[in-house]
Amino acid sequence: MFARGTIEPAPPLGLTGLSFVEAVRSQLPGKSVAAYGVPYPASDQFGNRLKFARTVADGVRTTQNRVKYLSAKCPGTKVVLGGYSQGAVVAGYAVHAGLDLPAQYAAYDRFVPPPLPASLSRNVAAIVFFGAPSDRFITDIGAPPVRVSTPYRGKTVRYCVAGDTICDGSPVGGPNALHTLYSVNGMTLDAARFIARRA
């Protein structure tokens, strides 16, 4: 299950998601690997905080509902959550430890999905973030940082290209060219190997 980045081409998985899924398949020969791209807008409307918050919240709810559905209907299935850039925030918020909005955004609290039940962690094999916005970046735009809850924390791996200004702690701003490399720089394969060890 993968959430694409902001206006990333090739929806619903996006280029990074497509690369990631193929890498996972290459590391799990003989096993069935089904891909699910989270259908959310991956909006670039950062100036409209309410609209942007709603699109992210919709992606989080869709991700959580899919995990719940698979856990109930296919309890033996191992779920992998992944996301690139904004999609990594969606995947991270799906397994959050509690989202505390800044006081000035308290009116948006009703859009915050509750945490995914800890009991479902047995169905989630791994969580992978590519180019996830840093805590500084997220805080600068007025959102709570991604805090993965304890049952999922040990299953989570993050990838950040050195110098990628979205994930390296730089002040908020547009992405640089390094932020676009995750689908081609070998990190999706490294993540697939992490998953294969847990499958």
N, C-alpha and C. Protein backbone atom coordinates (compact mmCIF):
# COMPACT_ATOMS: atom_id res chain seq x y z
N MET A 1 0.86 -1.16 0.00
CA MET A 1 0.00 0.00 0.00
C MET A 1 0.91 1.23 0.00
N PHE A 2 0.73 2.11 -0.99
CA PHE A 2 1.68 3.21 -1.15
C PHE A 2 0.95 4.51 -1.46
N ALA A 3 1.39 5.60 -0.81
CA ALA A 3 0.84 6.93 -1.06
C ALA A 3 1.87 7.76 -1.82
N ARG A 4 1.48 8.27 -2.96
CA ARG A 4 2.42 9.02 -3.81
C ARG A 4 2.71 10.40 -3.24
N GLY A 5 3.70 11.05 -3.81
CA GLY A 5 4.09 12.39 -3.38
C GLY A 5 3.23 13.47 -4.03
N THR A 6 3.48 14.69 -3.64
CA THR A 6 2.72 15.84 -4.13
C THR A 6 2.75 15.91 -5.66
N ILE A 7 1.56 15.92 -6.25
CA ILE A 7 1.35 15.93 -7.71
C ILE A 7 2.36 15.05 -8.46
N GLU A 8 2.72 13.92 -7.87
CA GLU A 8 3.68 13.00 -8.50
C GLU A 8 3.03 12.32 -9.69
N PRO A 9 3.76 12.20 -10.81
CA PRO A 9 3.21 11.51 -11.98
C PRO A 9 2.92 10.03 -11.69
N ALA A 10 2.13 9.43 -12.57
CA ALA A 10 1.79 8.01 -12.54
C ALA A 10 0.96 7.62 -11.33
N PRO A 11 -0.14 8.36 -11.07
CA PRO A 11 -1.02 7.96 -9.97
C PRO A 11 -1.69 6.62 -10.28
N PRO A 12 -2.15 5.85 -9.30
CA PRO A 12 -2.18 6.25 -7.89
C PRO A 12 -0.90 5.91 -7.13
N LEU A 13 -0.02 5.05 -7.68
CA LEU A 13 1.20 4.69 -6.95
C LEU A 13 2.27 5.77 -7.05
N GLY A 14 2.36 6.44 -8.18
CA GLY A 14 3.45 7.39 -8.40
C GLY A 14 4.71 6.66 -8.85
N LEU A 15 5.67 7.40 -9.37
CA LEU A 15 6.90 6.79 -9.88
C LEU A 15 7.68 6.07 -8.79
N THR A 16 7.77 6.67 -7.61
CA THR A 16 8.50 6.04 -6.51
C THR A 16 7.80 4.77 -6.07
N GLY A 17 6.48 4.82 -5.98
CA GLY A 17 5.71 3.64 -5.60
C GLY A 17 5.85 2.51 -6.60
N LEU A 18 5.82 2.84 -7.90
CA LEU A 18 5.99 1.81 -8.93
C LEU A 18 7.36 1.15 -8.81
N SER A 19 8.39 1.97 -8.61
CA SER A 19 9.75 1.43 -8.43
C SER A 19 9.82 0.54 -7.20
N PHE A 20 9.19 0.99 -6.13
CA PHE A 20 9.19 0.25 -4.86
C PHE A 20 8.49 -1.10 -5.02
N VAL A 21 7.33 -1.11 -5.63
CA VAL A 21 6.57 -2.37 -5.80
C VAL A 21 7.37 -3.36 -6.63
N GLU A 22 7.97 -2.89 -7.73
CA GLU A 22 8.76 -3.81 -8.56
C GLU A 22 9.97 -4.33 -7.80
N ALA A 23 10.57 -3.49 -6.97
CA ALA A 23 11.71 -3.93 -6.17
C ALA A 23 11.28 -4.98 -5.16
N VAL A 24 10.13 -4.79 -4.53
CA VAL A 24 9.62 -5.79 -3.57
C VAL A 24 9.37 -7.11 -4.29
N ARG A 25 8.75 -7.06 -5.45
CA ARG A 25 8.50 -8.29 -6.21
C ARG A 25 9.80 -9.01 -6.55
N SER A 26 10.84 -8.25 -6.87
CA SER A 26 12.12 -8.87 -7.22
C SER A 26 12.76 -9.58 -6.03
N GLN A 27 12.43 -9.15 -4.82
CA GLN A 27 13.02 -9.73 -3.61
C GLN A 27 12.17 -10.84 -3.01
N LEU A 28 10.96 -11.02 -3.53
CA LEU A 28 10.06 -12.05 -3.01
C LEU A 28 9.58 -12.96 -4.14
N PRO A 29 10.50 -13.63 -4.83
CA PRO A 29 10.09 -14.50 -5.94
C PRO A 29 9.19 -15.62 -5.43
N GLY A 30 8.15 -15.91 -6.19
CA GLY A 30 7.24 -16.98 -5.80
C GLY A 30 6.15 -16.55 -4.84
N LYS A 31 6.22 -15.32 -4.37
CA LYS A 31 5.18 -14.82 -3.46
C LYS A 31 4.30 -13.81 -4.20
N SER A 32 3.05 -13.77 -3.81
CA SER A 32 2.11 -12.83 -4.42
C SER A 32 2.28 -11.45 -3.77
N VAL A 33 2.55 -10.46 -4.60
CA VAL A 33 2.69 -9.08 -4.12
C VAL A 33 1.67 -8.22 -4.86
N ALA A 34 0.65 -7.79 -4.15
CA ALA A 34 -0.39 -6.94 -4.74
C ALA A 34 -0.12 -5.49 -4.37
N ALA A 35 -0.29 -4.61 -5.33
CA ALA A 35 -0.04 -3.18 -5.09
C ALA A 35 -1.36 -2.43 -4.96
N TYR A 36 -1.38 -1.48 -4.04
CA TYR A 36 -2.55 -0.62 -3.84
C TYR A 36 -2.05 0.81 -3.68
N GLY A 37 -2.40 1.66 -4.63
CA GLY A 37 -2.06 3.07 -4.53
C GLY A 37 -3.15 3.81 -3.80
N VAL A 38 -2.80 4.49 -2.73
CA VAL A 38 -3.81 5.22 -1.94
C VAL A 38 -4.43 6.31 -2.82
N PRO A 39 -5.74 6.26 -3.04
CA PRO A 39 -6.38 7.25 -3.91
C PRO A 39 -6.68 8.55 -3.16
N TYR A 40 -5.70 9.42 -3.13
CA TYR A 40 -5.91 10.73 -2.50
C TYR A 40 -5.31 11.78 -3.44
N PRO A 41 -5.71 13.04 -3.32
CA PRO A 41 -5.31 14.03 -4.33
C PRO A 41 -3.82 14.36 -4.40
N ALA A 42 -3.06 14.14 -3.32
CA ALA A 42 -1.65 14.54 -3.28
C ALA A 42 -1.53 16.01 -3.72
N SER A 43 -2.36 16.83 -3.14
CA SER A 43 -2.53 18.22 -3.54
C SER A 43 -1.29 19.07 -3.28
N ASP A 44 -1.12 20.08 -4.13
CA ASP A 44 -0.04 21.05 -3.92
C ASP A 44 -0.59 22.39 -3.43
N GLN A 45 -1.81 22.38 -2.90
CA GLN A 45 -2.45 23.61 -2.41
C GLN A 45 -2.03 23.94 -0.98
N PHE A 46 -0.73 24.14 -0.78
CA PHE A 46 -0.20 24.38 0.56
C PHE A 46 -0.71 25.69 1.15
N GLY A 47 -1.07 26.64 0.30
CA GLY A 47 -1.57 27.93 0.78
C GLY A 47 -2.96 27.86 1.39
N ASN A 48 -3.72 26.86 0.99
CA ASN A 48 -5.07 26.66 1.54
C ASN A 48 -4.98 25.57 2.60
N ARG A 49 -4.68 25.96 3.83
CA ARG A 49 -4.40 24.99 4.89
C ARG A 49 -5.55 24.01 5.12
N LEU A 50 -6.78 24.52 5.11
CA LEU A 50 -7.93 23.65 5.37
C LEU A 50 -8.08 22.61 4.27
N LYS A 51 -8.00 23.05 3.02
CA LYS A 51 -8.12 22.11 1.90
C LYS A 51 -7.00 21.08 1.93
N PHE A 52 -5.79 21.55 2.20
CA PHE A 52 -4.65 20.64 2.25
C PHE A 52 -4.80 19.64 3.38
N ALA A 53 -5.22 20.11 4.56
CA ALA A 53 -5.41 19.21 5.71
C ALA A 53 -6.46 18.15 5.40
N ARG A 54 -7.50 18.56 4.70
CA ARG A 54 -8.56 17.59 4.37
C ARG A 54 -8.07 16.52 3.42
N THR A 55 -7.24 16.91 2.43
CA THR A 55 -6.76 15.90 1.49
C THR A 55 -5.83 14.91 2.17
N VAL A 56 -4.97 15.40 3.06
CA VAL A 56 -4.10 14.49 3.80
C VAL A 56 -4.93 13.59 4.71
N ALA A 57 -5.89 14.17 5.42
CA ALA A 57 -6.75 13.38 6.31
C ALA A 57 -7.52 12.32 5.53
N ASP A 58 -7.98 12.66 4.34
CA ASP A 58 -8.68 11.67 3.50
C ASP A 58 -7.75 10.51 3.15
N GLY A 59 -6.51 10.83 2.81
CA GLY A 59 -5.53 9.79 2.50
C GLY A 59 -5.25 8.91 3.70
N VAL A 60 -5.16 9.52 4.88
CA VAL A 60 -4.91 8.76 6.11
C VAL A 60 -6.08 7.82 6.39
N ARG A 61 -7.29 8.33 6.31
CA ARG A 61 -8.47 7.49 6.57
C ARG A 61 -8.57 6.33 5.58
N THR A 62 -8.31 6.62 4.31
CA THR A 62 -8.35 5.57 3.29
C THR A 62 -7.32 4.50 3.59
N THR A 63 -6.11 4.91 3.97
CA THR A 63 -5.05 3.96 4.32
C THR A 63 -5.46 3.12 5.51
N GLN A 64 -5.93 3.76 6.56
CA GLN A 64 -6.35 3.03 7.76
C GLN A 64 -7.48 2.06 7.45
N ASN A 65 -8.46 2.50 6.68
CA ASN A 65 -9.59 1.63 6.35
C ASN A 65 -9.16 0.43 5.53
N ARG A 66 -8.18 0.62 4.66
CA ARG A 66 -7.67 -0.50 3.85
C ARG A 66 -6.93 -1.50 4.74
N VAL A 67 -6.15 -1.01 5.69
CA VAL A 67 -5.47 -1.92 6.62
C VAL A 67 -6.50 -2.70 7.43
N LYS A 68 -7.52 -2.03 7.92
CA LYS A 68 -8.58 -2.71 8.69
C LYS A 68 -9.29 -3.76 7.84
N TYR A 69 -9.59 -3.41 6.61
CA TYR A 69 -10.28 -4.33 5.70
C TYR A 69 -9.43 -5.57 5.45
N LEU A 70 -8.16 -5.37 5.09
CA LEU A 70 -7.28 -6.51 4.80
C LEU A 70 -7.07 -7.37 6.03
N SER A 71 -6.95 -6.74 7.18
CA SER A 71 -6.74 -7.49 8.43
C SER A 71 -7.94 -8.37 8.75
N ALA A 72 -9.14 -7.88 8.43
CA ALA A 72 -10.36 -8.64 8.71
C ALA A 72 -10.61 -9.72 7.66
N LYS A 73 -10.44 -9.38 6.39
CA LYS A 73 -10.77 -10.30 5.30
C LYS A 73 -9.65 -11.27 4.97
N CYS A 74 -8.42 -10.84 5.15
CA CYS A 74 -7.25 -11.66 4.79
C CYS A 74 -6.24 -11.60 5.93
N PRO A 75 -6.57 -12.19 7.08
CA PRO A 75 -5.71 -12.03 8.26
C PRO A 75 -4.29 -12.55 8.10
N GLY A 76 -4.07 -13.43 7.12
CA GLY A 76 -2.72 -13.95 6.89
C GLY A 76 -1.88 -13.06 6.00
N THR A 77 -2.49 -12.04 5.43
CA THR A 77 -1.77 -11.13 4.54
C THR A 77 -0.87 -10.19 5.32
N LYS A 78 0.35 -10.03 4.83
CA LYS A 78 1.28 -9.08 5.45
C LYS A 78 1.21 -7.77 4.68
N VAL A 79 0.86 -6.72 5.39
CA VAL A 79 0.68 -5.41 4.78
C VAL A 79 1.96 -4.59 4.92
N VAL A 80 2.34 -3.94 3.84
CA VAL A 80 3.46 -3.00 3.87
C VAL A 80 2.89 -1.62 3.54
N LEU A 81 3.16 -0.66 4.41
CA LEU A 81 2.76 0.73 4.17
C LEU A 81 3.97 1.50 3.68
N GLY A 82 3.77 2.31 2.67
CA GLY A 82 4.86 3.13 2.18
C GLY A 82 4.35 4.45 1.66
N GLY A 83 5.26 5.40 1.55
CA GLY A 83 4.89 6.69 1.00
C GLY A 83 6.12 7.49 0.65
N TYR A 84 5.92 8.38 -0.31
CA TYR A 84 6.98 9.28 -0.75
C TYR A 84 6.55 10.71 -0.52
N SER A 85 7.40 11.50 0.14
CA SER A 85 7.17 12.92 0.36
C SER A 85 5.85 13.14 1.10
N GLN A 86 4.89 13.86 0.52
CA GLN A 86 3.60 14.04 1.19
C GLN A 86 2.96 12.68 1.50
N GLY A 87 3.17 11.71 0.62
CA GLY A 87 2.63 10.37 0.84
C GLY A 87 3.23 9.69 2.06
N ALA A 88 4.49 10.02 2.38
CA ALA A 88 5.11 9.48 3.59
C ALA A 88 4.42 10.04 4.83
N VAL A 89 3.96 11.29 4.75
CA VAL A 89 3.20 11.88 5.85
C VAL A 89 1.87 11.15 6.00
N VAL A 90 1.22 10.86 4.88
CA VAL A 90 -0.05 10.11 4.91
C VAL A 90 0.17 8.75 5.58
N ALA A 91 1.20 8.02 5.14
CA ALA A 91 1.48 6.70 5.71
C ALA A 91 1.85 6.82 7.19
N GLY A 92 2.63 7.84 7.54
CA GLY A 92 3.05 8.03 8.93
C GLY A 92 1.90 8.41 9.84
N TYR A 93 1.04 9.32 9.36
CA TYR A 93 -0.13 9.69 10.16
C TYR A 93 -1.10 8.52 10.31
N ALA A 94 -1.09 7.58 9.37
CA ALA A 94 -1.97 6.42 9.47
C ALA A 94 -1.63 5.56 10.68
N VAL A 95 -0.38 5.60 11.10
CA VAL A 95 0.05 4.80 12.26
C VAL A 95 0.57 5.72 13.38
N HIS A 96 -0.05 6.89 13.47
CA HIS A 96 0.44 7.90 14.42
C HIS A 96 0.18 7.52 15.87
N ALA A 97 0.98 8.14 16.73
CA ALA A 97 0.86 7.92 18.17
C ALA A 97 -0.06 8.94 18.82
N GLY A 98 -0.71 9.76 18.02
CA GLY A 98 -1.56 10.84 18.52
C GLY A 98 -1.11 12.13 17.89
N LEU A 99 -2.00 12.80 17.18
CA LEU A 99 -1.66 14.04 16.50
C LEU A 99 -2.15 15.22 17.30
N ASP A 100 -1.22 16.02 17.78
CA ASP A 100 -1.56 17.22 18.53
C ASP A 100 -1.37 18.43 17.63
N LEU A 101 -2.49 19.03 17.23
CA LEU A 101 -2.41 20.20 16.37
C LEU A 101 -1.99 21.43 17.16
N PRO A 102 -1.23 22.33 16.52
CA PRO A 102 -0.91 23.60 17.18
C PRO A 102 -2.20 24.34 17.54
N ALA A 103 -2.14 25.14 18.58
CA ALA A 103 -3.33 25.83 19.10
C ALA A 103 -4.06 26.62 18.02
N GLN A 104 -3.31 27.25 17.12
CA GLN A 104 -3.96 28.08 16.10
C GLN A 104 -4.76 27.26 15.09
N TYR A 105 -4.56 25.93 15.10
CA TYR A 105 -5.30 25.06 14.18
C TYR A 105 -6.26 24.13 14.91
N ALA A 106 -6.60 24.47 16.13
CA ALA A 106 -7.49 23.63 16.93
C ALA A 106 -8.83 23.39 16.24
N ALA A 107 -9.28 24.33 15.43
CA ALA A 107 -10.55 24.18 14.73
C ALA A 107 -10.53 23.01 13.74
N TYR A 108 -9.33 22.59 13.34
CA TYR A 108 -9.21 21.49 12.38
C TYR A 108 -9.15 20.13 13.07
N ASP A 109 -9.21 20.12 14.39
CA ASP A 109 -9.05 18.88 15.14
C ASP A 109 -10.06 17.82 14.71
N ARG A 110 -11.22 18.25 14.27
CA ARG A 110 -12.25 17.28 13.87
C ARG A 110 -11.86 16.49 12.63
N PHE A 111 -10.87 16.96 11.89
CA PHE A 111 -10.42 16.24 10.69
C PHE A 111 -9.35 15.19 11.01
N VAL A 112 -8.85 15.18 12.24
CA VAL A 112 -7.75 14.29 12.59
C VAL A 112 -8.28 12.88 12.83
N PRO A 113 -7.85 11.91 12.02
CA PRO A 113 -8.29 10.53 12.23
C PRO A 113 -7.69 9.97 13.52
N PRO A 114 -8.41 9.08 14.20
CA PRO A 114 -7.85 8.47 15.41
C PRO A 114 -6.71 7.52 15.05
N PRO A 115 -5.87 7.17 16.02
CA PRO A 115 -4.79 6.22 15.74
C PRO A 115 -5.32 4.87 15.26
N LEU A 116 -4.54 4.19 14.45
CA LEU A 116 -4.86 2.83 14.04
C LEU A 116 -4.71 1.93 15.26
N PRO A 117 -5.66 1.04 15.52
CA PRO A 117 -5.56 0.19 16.71
C PRO A 117 -4.24 -0.59 16.74
N ALA A 118 -3.65 -0.67 17.92
CA ALA A 118 -2.38 -1.39 18.09
C ALA A 118 -2.52 -2.86 17.72
N SER A 119 -3.72 -3.40 17.87
CA SER A 119 -3.94 -4.82 17.57
C SER A 119 -3.68 -5.15 16.10
N LEU A 120 -3.77 -4.15 15.23
CA LEU A 120 -3.55 -4.39 13.81
C LEU A 120 -2.07 -4.42 13.45
N SER A 121 -1.22 -4.10 14.40
CA SER A 121 0.22 -4.07 14.10
C SER A 121 0.74 -5.44 13.69
N ARG A 122 0.06 -6.50 14.13
CA ARG A 122 0.52 -7.84 13.75
C ARG A 122 0.33 -8.09 12.25
N ASN A 123 -0.55 -7.34 11.62
CA ASN A 123 -0.78 -7.50 10.18
C ASN A 123 0.13 -6.60 9.34
N VAL A 124 0.76 -5.62 9.98
CA VAL A 124 1.64 -4.69 9.25
C VAL A 124 3.08 -5.16 9.39
N ALA A 125 3.65 -5.61 8.28
CA ALA A 125 5.00 -6.16 8.31
C ALA A 125 6.07 -5.08 8.32
N ALA A 126 5.81 -3.98 7.62
CA ALA A 126 6.83 -2.93 7.51
C ALA A 126 6.19 -1.63 7.06
N ILE A 127 6.89 -0.54 7.38
CA ILE A 127 6.48 0.81 6.99
C ILE A 127 7.72 1.50 6.43
N VAL A 128 7.59 2.08 5.25
CA VAL A 128 8.74 2.68 4.57
C VAL A 128 8.41 4.10 4.14
N PHE A 129 9.30 5.03 4.52
CA PHE A 129 9.15 6.44 4.13
C PHE A 129 10.30 6.84 3.22
N PHE A 130 9.97 7.41 2.07
CA PHE A 130 10.98 7.96 1.16
C PHE A 130 10.82 9.48 1.13
N GLY A 131 11.88 10.20 1.45
CA GLY A 131 11.84 11.66 1.38
C GLY A 131 10.76 12.28 2.24
N ALA A 132 10.53 11.71 3.41
CA ALA A 132 9.49 12.24 4.30
C ALA A 132 9.89 13.62 4.81
N PRO A 133 8.98 14.58 4.77
CA PRO A 133 9.31 15.91 5.29
C PRO A 133 9.82 15.84 6.73
N SER A 134 10.87 16.58 6.99
CA SER A 134 11.48 16.59 8.32
C SER A 134 10.54 17.21 9.34
N ASP A 135 10.84 16.98 10.62
CA ASP A 135 10.04 17.60 11.68
C ASP A 135 10.03 19.12 11.52
N ARG A 136 11.18 19.69 11.18
CA ARG A 136 11.24 21.15 11.01
C ARG A 136 10.32 21.60 9.88
N PHE A 137 10.38 20.90 8.75
CA PHE A 137 9.55 21.25 7.60
C PHE A 137 8.07 21.19 7.98
N ILE A 138 7.69 20.09 8.61
CA ILE A 138 6.27 19.89 8.98
C ILE A 138 5.82 20.97 9.98
N THR A 139 6.67 21.25 10.96
CA THR A 139 6.31 22.25 11.97
C THR A 139 6.21 23.64 11.34
N ASP A 140 7.12 23.93 10.40
CA ASP A 140 7.10 25.24 9.73
C ASP A 140 5.81 25.48 8.95
N ILE A 141 5.18 24.41 8.45
CA ILE A 141 3.92 24.61 7.71
C ILE A 141 2.70 24.48 8.63
N GLY A 142 2.96 24.29 9.94
CA GLY A 142 1.88 24.30 10.91
C GLY A 142 1.23 22.96 11.17
N ALA A 143 1.88 21.88 10.75
CA ALA A 143 1.33 20.54 10.97
C ALA A 143 2.11 19.82 12.06
N PRO A 144 1.50 18.83 12.70
CA PRO A 144 2.23 18.06 13.71
C PRO A 144 3.23 17.11 13.05
N PRO A 145 4.40 16.93 13.65
CA PRO A 145 5.37 16.00 13.08
C PRO A 145 4.86 14.57 13.11
N VAL A 146 5.42 13.75 12.25
CA VAL A 146 5.03 12.34 12.18
C VAL A 146 5.67 11.61 13.36
N ARG A 147 4.83 11.01 14.19
CA ARG A 147 5.29 10.21 15.33
C ARG A 147 4.62 8.84 15.23
N VAL A 148 5.37 7.87 14.78
CA VAL A 148 4.85 6.52 14.61
C VAL A 148 4.63 5.91 15.99
N SER A 149 3.47 5.28 16.19
CA SER A 149 3.17 4.71 17.51
C SER A 149 4.05 3.49 17.78
N THR A 150 4.22 3.19 19.05
CA THR A 150 5.16 2.17 19.51
C THR A 150 5.02 0.82 18.81
N PRO A 151 3.82 0.27 18.63
CA PRO A 151 3.74 -1.06 18.01
C PRO A 151 4.28 -1.11 16.58
N TYR A 152 4.36 0.03 15.93
CA TYR A 152 4.80 0.07 14.53
C TYR A 152 6.22 0.61 14.36
N ARG A 153 6.77 1.17 15.43
CA ARG A 153 8.04 1.89 15.32
C ARG A 153 9.20 1.00 14.87
N GLY A 154 9.29 -0.20 15.42
CA GLY A 154 10.39 -1.09 15.07
C GLY A 154 10.30 -1.66 13.67
N LYS A 155 9.17 -1.45 13.01
CA LYS A 155 8.97 -1.95 11.65
C LYS A 155 9.17 -0.86 10.61
N THR A 156 9.59 0.31 11.06
CA THR A 156 9.63 1.49 10.19
C THR A 156 11.06 1.83 9.78
N VAL A 157 11.23 2.14 8.50
CA VAL A 157 12.53 2.57 7.99
C VAL A 157 12.31 3.84 7.15
N ARG A 158 13.26 4.76 7.25
CA ARG A 158 13.17 6.04 6.54
C ARG A 158 14.37 6.20 5.61
N TYR A 159 14.10 6.77 4.44
CA TYR A 159 15.16 7.05 3.48
C TYR A 159 15.14 8.54 3.14
N CYS A 160 16.31 9.17 3.26
CA CYS A 160 16.45 10.58 2.92
C CYS A 160 17.77 10.76 2.18
N VAL A 161 17.71 11.18 0.94
CA VAL A 161 18.92 11.46 0.17
C VAL A 161 19.65 12.63 0.82
N ALA A 162 20.96 12.49 1.02
CA ALA A 162 21.74 13.59 1.60
C ALA A 162 21.57 14.84 0.74
N GLY A 163 21.19 15.94 1.39
CA GLY A 163 20.99 17.19 0.68
C GLY A 163 19.58 17.42 0.18
N ASP A 164 18.70 16.44 0.36
CA ASP A 164 17.29 16.63 0.00
C ASP A 164 16.68 17.59 1.02
N THR A 165 16.32 18.77 0.57
CA THR A 165 15.88 19.82 1.50
C THR A 165 14.50 19.58 2.10
N ILE A 166 13.76 18.63 1.60
CA ILE A 166 12.46 18.31 2.20
C ILE A 166 12.66 17.49 3.47
N CYS A 167 13.60 16.57 3.45
CA CYS A 167 13.75 15.65 4.58
C CYS A 167 14.99 15.87 5.44
N ASP A 168 15.90 16.76 5.03
CA ASP A 168 17.17 16.87 5.77
C ASP A 168 17.19 17.91 6.88
N GLY A 169 16.03 18.51 7.17
CA GLY A 169 15.97 19.49 8.25
C GLY A 169 16.14 20.92 7.81
N SER A 170 16.18 21.15 6.50
CA SER A 170 16.28 22.52 5.98
C SER A 170 14.99 23.29 6.25
N PRO A 171 15.05 24.63 6.21
CA PRO A 171 13.81 25.41 6.36
C PRO A 171 12.82 25.07 5.25
N VAL A 172 11.56 25.31 5.53
CA VAL A 172 10.51 24.98 4.55
C VAL A 172 10.75 25.72 3.24
N GLY A 173 10.53 25.01 2.16
CA GLY A 173 10.72 25.57 0.82
C GLY A 173 10.41 24.50 -0.20
N GLY A 174 10.55 24.85 -1.45
CA GLY A 174 10.29 23.89 -2.52
C GLY A 174 11.36 22.82 -2.57
N PRO A 175 11.05 21.69 -3.19
CA PRO A 175 12.03 20.60 -3.29
C PRO A 175 13.15 20.93 -4.27
N ASN A 176 14.30 20.35 -4.02
CA ASN A 176 15.39 20.45 -4.99
C ASN A 176 15.43 19.16 -5.82
N ALA A 177 16.36 19.09 -6.76
CA ALA A 177 16.43 17.94 -7.66
C ALA A 177 16.68 16.63 -6.92
N LEU A 178 17.39 16.69 -5.80
CA LEU A 178 17.69 15.47 -5.06
C LEU A 178 16.43 14.79 -4.54
N HIS A 179 15.37 15.56 -4.36
CA HIS A 179 14.12 15.00 -3.84
C HIS A 179 13.42 14.10 -4.85
N THR A 180 13.86 14.14 -6.09
CA THR A 180 13.20 13.35 -7.14
C THR A 180 13.91 12.03 -7.45
N LEU A 181 14.94 11.69 -6.69
CA LEU A 181 15.79 10.56 -7.05
C LEU A 181 15.37 9.20 -6.48
N TYR A 182 14.40 9.16 -5.61
CA TYR A 182 14.11 7.92 -4.89
C TYR A 182 13.72 6.75 -5.78
N SER A 183 13.10 7.02 -6.90
CA SER A 183 12.67 5.93 -7.78
C SER A 183 13.83 5.33 -8.57
N VAL A 184 14.98 6.01 -8.59
CA VAL A 184 16.08 5.56 -9.45
C VAL A 184 17.42 5.40 -8.75
N ASN A 185 17.51 5.71 -7.46
CA ASN A 185 18.83 5.73 -6.81
C ASN A 185 19.15 4.48 -5.99
N GLY A 186 18.33 3.45 -6.08
CA GLY A 186 18.60 2.21 -5.36
C GLY A 186 17.96 2.11 -3.99
N MET A 187 17.39 3.19 -3.50
CA MET A 187 16.77 3.14 -2.17
C MET A 187 15.51 2.29 -2.13
N THR A 188 14.76 2.23 -3.24
CA THR A 188 13.58 1.37 -3.23
C THR A 188 14.00 -0.10 -3.15
N LEU A 189 15.13 -0.44 -3.76
CA LEU A 189 15.63 -1.81 -3.67
C LEU A 189 16.11 -2.11 -2.26
N ASP A 190 16.79 -1.17 -1.64
CA ASP A 190 17.23 -1.36 -0.26
C ASP A 190 16.03 -1.56 0.66
N ALA A 191 14.97 -0.78 0.43
CA ALA A 191 13.76 -0.93 1.23
C ALA A 191 13.11 -2.29 0.99
N ALA A 192 13.14 -2.75 -0.26
CA ALA A 192 12.58 -4.06 -0.58
C ALA A 192 13.33 -5.18 0.14
N ARG A 193 14.62 -5.03 0.28
CA ARG A 193 15.41 -6.03 1.02
C ARG A 193 15.04 -6.01 2.50
N PHE A 194 14.78 -4.83 3.04
CA PHE A 194 14.30 -4.71 4.43
C PHE A 194 12.99 -5.46 4.59
N ILE A 195 12.11 -5.31 3.63
CA ILE A 195 10.81 -5.99 3.68
C ILE A 195 10.97 -7.49 3.54
N ALA A 196 11.83 -7.93 2.64
CA ALA A 196 12.04 -9.36 2.43
C ALA A 196 12.53 -10.04 3.70
N ARG A 197 13.31 -9.35 4.49
CA ARG A 197 13.79 -9.93 5.76
C ARG A 197 12.65 -10.07 6.76
N ARG A 198 11.59 -9.31 6.58
CA ARG A 198 10.47 -9.34 7.52
C ARG A 198 9.30 -10.17 7.00
N ALA A 199 9.36 -10.59 5.75
CA ALA A 199 8.23 -11.31 5.13
C ALA A 199 8.21 -12.79 5.53
